[in-house]
Each structure stands twice: as C-alpha cells, then as structure tokens.
Protein backbone atom coordinates (compact mmCIF):
# COMPACT_ATOMS: atom_id res chain seq x y z
CA MET A 1 95.56 43.69 -14.53
CA TRP A 2 97.96 42.59 -11.97
CA THR A 3 100.62 45.13 -10.79
CA ARG A 4 104.04 44.24 -9.50
CA LYS A 5 102.83 45.33 -6.02
CA SER A 6 99.79 43.07 -6.10
CA SER A 7 102.05 40.25 -7.37
CA VAL A 8 104.39 40.64 -4.43
CA SER A 9 101.30 40.63 -2.11
CA ILE A 10 100.09 37.36 -3.61
CA SER A 11 103.44 35.73 -3.08
CA LYS A 12 103.12 36.61 0.59
CA MET A 13 99.64 35.21 0.95
CA THR A 14 98.97 32.17 3.13
CA PRO A 15 97.15 29.26 1.59
CA GLU A 16 94.02 30.33 3.45
CA ASP A 17 94.30 33.94 2.20
CA PHE A 18 94.73 32.67 -1.31
CA ILE A 19 91.65 30.36 -1.13
CA ARG A 20 89.51 33.25 0.15
CA ALA A 21 90.82 35.64 -2.62
CA PHE A 22 90.11 32.89 -5.22
CA LYS A 23 86.58 32.38 -4.05
CA LEU A 24 85.97 36.07 -4.34
CA ALA A 25 87.58 36.18 -7.81
CA ILE A 26 85.41 33.51 -9.26
CA LYS A 27 82.36 35.46 -8.38
CA ASP A 28 83.37 37.76 -11.13
CA PRO A 29 81.55 36.62 -14.38
CA GLU A 30 84.69 37.62 -16.41
CA VAL A 31 86.94 35.49 -14.23
CA ARG A 32 84.48 32.58 -14.52
CA ASP A 33 84.34 32.83 -18.15
CA GLU A 34 88.09 32.88 -18.57
CA ILE A 35 88.52 29.86 -16.31
CA SER A 36 85.78 28.09 -18.23
CA ASN A 37 87.62 28.81 -21.52
CA ILE A 38 90.94 27.58 -20.12
CA VAL A 39 89.26 24.33 -18.89
CA SER A 40 87.31 23.85 -22.13
CA VAL A 41 90.35 24.24 -24.24
CA SER A 42 92.32 21.80 -22.10
CA LEU A 43 89.53 19.27 -22.17
CA ARG A 44 89.15 19.53 -25.92
CA GLU A 45 92.86 19.03 -26.42
CA ASP A 46 92.80 16.06 -24.06
CA ILE A 47 89.72 14.48 -25.77
CA ASP A 48 91.25 15.01 -29.20
CA SER A 49 94.46 13.43 -28.06
CA LEU A 50 92.58 10.51 -26.56
CA ARG A 51 90.40 10.07 -29.65
CA THR A 52 93.56 9.92 -31.80
CA VAL A 53 95.17 7.31 -29.49
CA LEU A 54 91.96 5.24 -29.51
CA GLN A 55 91.70 5.38 -33.33
CA GLU A 56 95.36 4.21 -33.63
CA LYS A 57 94.67 1.39 -31.15
CA GLU A 58 91.44 0.33 -32.98
CA ALA A 59 93.36 0.28 -36.32
CA LYS A 60 96.05 -2.00 -34.87
CA ILE A 61 93.45 -4.26 -33.22
CA GLU A 62 91.60 -4.51 -36.56
CA SER A 63 94.85 -5.33 -38.41
CA LEU A 64 95.81 -7.88 -35.80
CA GLU A 65 92.33 -9.50 -35.92
CA LYS A 66 92.70 -9.82 -39.78
CA LYS A 67 96.08 -11.40 -39.36
CA VAL A 68 94.71 -13.80 -36.81
CA SER A 69 91.80 -14.75 -39.03
CA SER A 70 94.06 -15.28 -41.95
CA LEU A 71 96.35 -17.50 -39.86
CA GLU A 72 93.35 -19.52 -38.44
CA SER A 73 92.17 -20.12 -42.03
CA GLN A 74 95.63 -21.24 -43.09
CA VAL A 75 95.93 -23.62 -40.10
CA GLU A 76 92.45 -25.01 -40.72
CA GLY A 77 93.24 -25.53 -44.38
CA LEU A 78 96.55 -27.38 -43.45
CA GLU A 79 94.61 -29.55 -40.95
CA GLN A 80 92.14 -30.44 -43.56
CA TYR A 81 94.81 -31.24 -46.10
CA SER A 82 96.54 -33.61 -43.54
CA ARG A 83 93.21 -35.64 -43.69
CA ARG A 84 93.11 -35.87 -47.47
CA ASN A 85 93.74 -39.63 -47.25
CA ASN A 86 91.08 -40.18 -44.61
CA ILE A 87 87.47 -41.35 -44.84
CA ARG A 88 84.83 -41.99 -42.14
CA VAL A 89 82.51 -45.04 -42.44
CA SER A 90 79.19 -45.02 -40.50
CA GLY A 91 76.83 -47.91 -39.85
CA ILE A 92 79.29 -50.85 -39.26
CA VAL A 93 77.95 -52.74 -36.33
CA GLU A 94 80.23 -52.91 -33.37
CA ARG A 95 81.10 -56.44 -32.06
CA PRO A 96 83.33 -57.55 -29.13
CA ASN A 97 86.90 -58.41 -30.20
CA GLU A 98 86.05 -57.29 -33.72
CA ASN A 99 88.56 -57.45 -36.52
CA LEU A 100 87.75 -53.95 -37.67
CA ALA A 101 90.04 -53.89 -40.79
CA THR A 102 88.70 -57.19 -42.18
CA THR A 103 85.04 -56.29 -41.45
CA THR A 104 85.32 -52.84 -42.95
CA LEU A 105 87.22 -53.83 -46.10
CA THR A 106 84.78 -56.69 -46.74
CA ILE A 107 81.90 -54.21 -46.69
CA LEU A 108 83.64 -51.65 -48.86
CA ASN A 109 84.93 -54.10 -51.41
CA ASN A 110 81.63 -55.88 -51.73
CA LYS A 111 79.33 -52.93 -51.59
CA LEU A 112 81.35 -50.68 -53.78
CA ASP A 113 82.35 -53.47 -56.11
CA LEU A 114 85.96 -52.25 -56.04
CA ASP A 115 88.45 -53.43 -58.62
CA PRO A 116 91.18 -53.94 -57.61
CA PRO A 117 89.88 -54.51 -54.12
CA ILE A 118 91.36 -52.75 -51.11
CA ARG A 119 93.83 -54.75 -49.10
CA GLU A 120 94.98 -54.26 -45.46
CA THR A 121 98.37 -53.16 -46.76
CA ASP A 122 96.47 -50.10 -48.29
CA ILE A 123 95.60 -48.95 -44.85
CA ASP A 124 97.80 -46.85 -42.64
CA ARG A 125 95.45 -46.74 -39.65
CA ILE A 126 91.92 -47.75 -38.81
CA HIS A 127 89.92 -47.29 -35.61
CA ARG A 128 86.56 -46.38 -34.12
CA THR A 129 86.07 -42.69 -33.23
CA GLY A 130 84.62 -41.30 -30.02
CA LYS A 131 83.85 -42.96 -26.72
CA HIS A 132 81.73 -46.00 -26.45
CA SER A 133 78.25 -45.12 -25.22
CA GLU A 134 76.30 -47.43 -22.78
CA THR A 135 73.04 -45.60 -23.55
CA SER A 136 73.19 -45.62 -27.35
CA SER A 137 72.92 -48.61 -29.69
CA ALA A 138 74.31 -46.62 -32.63
CA PRO A 139 77.80 -47.86 -33.72
CA ARG A 140 80.64 -45.51 -33.57
CA SER A 141 81.97 -44.46 -36.96
CA VAL A 142 85.22 -45.97 -38.37
CA LEU A 143 88.07 -43.74 -39.36
CA ILE A 144 90.38 -44.97 -42.00
CA LYS A 145 93.60 -43.48 -43.19
CA PHE A 146 94.82 -44.93 -46.45
CA VAL A 147 98.46 -45.15 -47.41
CA SER A 148 97.72 -43.33 -50.70
CA TYR A 149 95.20 -40.72 -51.85
CA ARG A 150 94.53 -42.87 -54.88
CA THR A 151 92.81 -45.51 -52.78
CA LYS A 152 90.85 -42.94 -50.82
CA ASN A 153 89.66 -41.35 -54.06
CA MET A 154 88.63 -44.68 -55.46
CA VAL A 155 86.32 -45.27 -52.47
CA MET A 156 84.82 -41.77 -52.67
CA ILE A 157 84.10 -42.05 -56.33
CA ASN A 158 82.17 -45.26 -55.81
CA ARG A 159 80.50 -44.38 -52.50
CA SER A 160 77.14 -43.78 -54.16
CA LYS A 161 76.79 -47.49 -54.61
CA LEU A 162 76.22 -47.78 -50.87
CA LYS A 163 72.65 -46.43 -51.32
CA SER A 164 71.28 -49.89 -51.39
CA THR A 165 67.72 -50.96 -50.83
CA ASP A 166 68.54 -53.99 -48.75
CA ARG A 167 69.20 -51.95 -45.62
CA SER A 168 66.87 -49.51 -43.92
CA ILE A 169 68.13 -45.92 -43.30
CA ASP A 170 68.90 -46.66 -39.68
CA ARG A 171 71.19 -49.64 -40.79
CA ALA A 172 72.55 -47.88 -43.85
CA TYR A 173 76.31 -47.48 -44.58
CA PHE A 174 77.70 -43.96 -45.17
CA VAL A 175 81.14 -42.90 -46.35
CA SER A 176 82.33 -39.30 -45.96
CA ASP A 177 85.41 -37.21 -45.91
CA ASP A 178 87.18 -36.85 -42.55
CA LEU A 179 86.43 -33.12 -41.89
CA THR A 180 87.75 -30.63 -39.44
CA SER A 181 85.47 -29.47 -36.70
CA GLN A 182 84.79 -26.18 -38.58
CA ARG A 183 83.74 -27.88 -41.86
CA SER A 184 81.73 -30.52 -39.93
CA LYS A 185 79.80 -27.67 -38.44
CA ILE A 186 79.26 -26.09 -41.80
CA MET A 187 78.01 -29.43 -43.22
CA TYR A 188 75.63 -29.87 -40.32
CA ASP A 189 74.13 -26.31 -40.92
CA LEU A 190 73.84 -27.13 -44.64
CA ARG A 191 71.99 -30.38 -43.99
CA GLN A 192 69.50 -28.28 -41.94
CA LEU A 193 69.06 -25.91 -44.84
CA LYS A 194 68.57 -28.83 -47.18
CA ARG A 195 65.82 -30.30 -44.88
CA ASP A 196 64.21 -26.79 -44.83
CA LYS A 197 64.45 -26.91 -48.70
CA LYS A 198 66.51 -23.76 -48.72
CA ILE A 199 69.19 -25.55 -50.83
CA MET A 200 69.08 -28.50 -53.13
CA ASP A 201 72.04 -30.35 -51.74
CA ALA A 202 75.48 -30.08 -50.04
CA TRP A 203 78.44 -32.47 -50.06
CA THR A 204 82.25 -32.44 -49.84
CA ARG A 205 84.97 -33.27 -52.36
CA ASP A 206 88.50 -33.64 -50.94
CA GLY A 207 87.36 -31.59 -47.86
CA ASN A 208 85.94 -28.76 -49.98
CA VAL A 209 82.33 -27.96 -49.24
CA LEU A 210 80.03 -27.86 -52.27
CA ILE A 211 76.55 -26.41 -52.25
CA LYS A 212 73.79 -26.79 -54.88
CA ASP A 213 71.34 -23.95 -54.60
CA SER A 214 67.70 -23.90 -55.55
CA HIS A 215 68.66 -22.93 -59.07
CA GLN A 216 70.84 -26.02 -59.57
CA ASN A 217 73.97 -23.82 -59.40
CA VAL A 218 76.96 -25.47 -57.64
CA LYS A 219 79.41 -23.36 -55.63
CA VAL A 220 82.19 -23.94 -53.27
CA GLY A 221 81.17 -23.05 -49.72
CA LYS A 222 83.20 -21.21 -47.16
CA THR A 223 85.64 -23.30 -45.17
CA LEU A 224 85.26 -21.21 -41.96
CA VAL A 225 82.23 -19.87 -40.28
C-alpha cells in the first residue's frame, strides 16, 4: 500500500528512476497479475465494443443490400415492360441496301398467315441488332417495335407456324420476345438444361420466363439471377 511519503517520493522521480522502479515492480507476481487483469478487462471491453459496432455495420450493410437488390429487380422489371411491344426475328438473310421492313413483314405475314396482315404503319421502329461481322455468315437478328401490343401479341400467338419443314434448322426463322440481358442469360441457361434433359422446355410470354419441368408442371421462372 502506498503511503503519502512514498507518493511524494514518486512525484519527485525522474523518468529513468520511474522506469527502473517499474521494472522491479513487475517482477512481483501480484503486480503482474494485477496489470494482466487490468489489460484483460480493457481488451475485453474494447473487443465487445468493436463487436457491437461491427454487428451494427453488418446489419446496415445487409439492409442496404436488400434495398439495392429490390431496386435492381424493379428497374429490370420496368426495362422489360418497356420492351413489351418488341419482338426479335432471327434467320432473315441480310442483303445490301435491303428494305428491312418490307422483307420482314412479307415473311411474317406469309409464314404466320396473319389476318389482318401487319402493315408498315403498325411498326414504330425496325433495325438489325449488333455489329456486322466479317467472319460470320449468320444474319443479325431483326428488332421490331410495334405501335401496339395487340400487333405484337398476334405475332407471338402465331409464331409456332414458323416451324416449317421447307427450311433446314440453320435457315429457320425464329420469333422471340425482346428480353433484358438478365432474362436472356436465364433463357440461355434454361436451354442448356433442356439439352441436358433436366427440364422439358422453357419459353417466355410477355417477358416472363416459363419452365416446364420433368413432371410436366409449368412454373414462372425468376426474372433475376
């Protein structure tokens, strides 16, 4: 126990004297235990405080991640909805100075036997997608945005008529929804599963992914991976 006299003497110590005295003191087991207890308590308090802060941060991060995921899903859904009047047509041969609207409408009207036929006034925009490739002979697909959803829906209802026997698979025409990149990736993966016979079929309807499993059950697939 420190006395007033010893306390006064400590106050008059030089830094060197204090260090020497401290080195001698810590050789005492009781002193070492007391110092260890003080340090342990302090460390535990710091660790507990740090753990609490980290848990709070993790909870905030998790909450923000959920909000971001929800917003991404909403944005993706809105993007797909903005394409509801669009279709993509594959297999139409590219020609120099082509009249794309006339060529495409002739194929669709004749192959789908549309009544009434689609007219150019039913089209808002039409163009090839992607860059022209010098190394590939495959024609770029045609993107069509119709003025009305009704016209687009008429094409989609009749698109199965394109499965004709007068053209080989490498020259076949295909009509599909204009999908966002996320849903295109999902459909690519589903086609792989179909080839592996893990599902019966997969297709889209108004941008919604539909899956027929091995038990003939049809369910709506996820819109985001």
